[in-house]
Amino acid sequence: MNGWDLFTWIMALVLAGTAVVIFAYFLRDAGGILNRDRGDSDDFSEGK
């Protein structure tokens, strides 16, 4: 395994790790987004 192979594997692991972190932040905030108060002023479901 040469230096470029090692660099490629390390960068792939860094990329996968950051993807997991971003997905975890999304899941943490998704509950708040989905369970918002339904009476917001930007809710157009009442035909306003």
Protein backbone atom coordinates (compact mmCIF):
# COMPACT_ATOMS: atom_id res chain seq x y z
CA MET A 1 0.00 0.00 0.00
CA ASN A 2 1.56 3.26 -1.06
CA GLY A 3 1.03 6.73 0.37
CA TRP A 4 -1.77 7.63 -2.01
CA ASP A 5 -3.75 4.52 -1.09
CA LEU A 6 -3.41 5.35 2.59
CA PHE A 7 -4.43 8.96 1.94
CA THR A 8 -7.47 7.77 -0.05
CA TRP A 9 -8.62 5.44 2.73
CA ILE A 10 -8.16 8.10 5.39
CA MET A 11 -10.11 10.67 3.37
CA ALA A 12 -12.88 8.13 2.70
CA LEU A 13 -13.18 7.48 6.44
CA VAL A 14 -13.24 11.22 7.16
CA LEU A 15 -15.96 11.72 4.56
CA ALA A 16 -18.05 8.85 5.95
CA GLY A 17 -17.60 10.16 9.49
CA THR A 18 -18.77 13.65 8.59
CA ALA A 19 -21.76 12.19 6.75
CA VAL A 20 -22.75 10.31 9.91
CA VAL A 21 -22.38 13.47 12.01
CA ILE A 22 -24.50 15.53 9.61
CA PHE A 23 -27.17 12.80 9.53
CA ALA A 24 -27.20 12.70 13.34
CA TYR A 25 -27.74 16.47 13.48
CA PHE A 26 -30.56 16.09 10.94
CA LEU A 27 -32.25 13.38 13.00
CA ARG A 28 -31.91 15.50 16.14
CA ASP A 29 -33.62 18.45 14.47
CA ALA A 30 -36.15 16.46 12.41
CA GLY A 31 -38.40 15.91 15.42
CA GLY A 32 -38.71 19.63 15.98
CA ILE A 33 -39.40 20.27 12.32
CA LEU A 34 -42.07 17.57 12.07
CA ASN A 35 -43.78 18.45 15.37
CA ARG A 36 -44.01 22.19 14.81
CA ASP A 37 -46.96 24.11 16.07
CA ARG A 38 -49.65 23.78 13.40
CA GLY A 39 -50.83 27.35 13.97
CA ASP A 40 -47.87 29.01 12.27
CA SER A 41 -48.55 31.97 10.03
CA ASP A 42 -46.98 30.20 7.04
CA ASP A 43 -49.51 27.36 7.17
CA PHE A 44 -51.70 27.75 4.10
CA SER A 45 -53.80 24.63 4.65
CA GLU A 46 -56.74 26.71 5.95
CA GLY A 47 -57.16 28.53 2.64
CA LYS A 48 -55.96 31.91 3.89
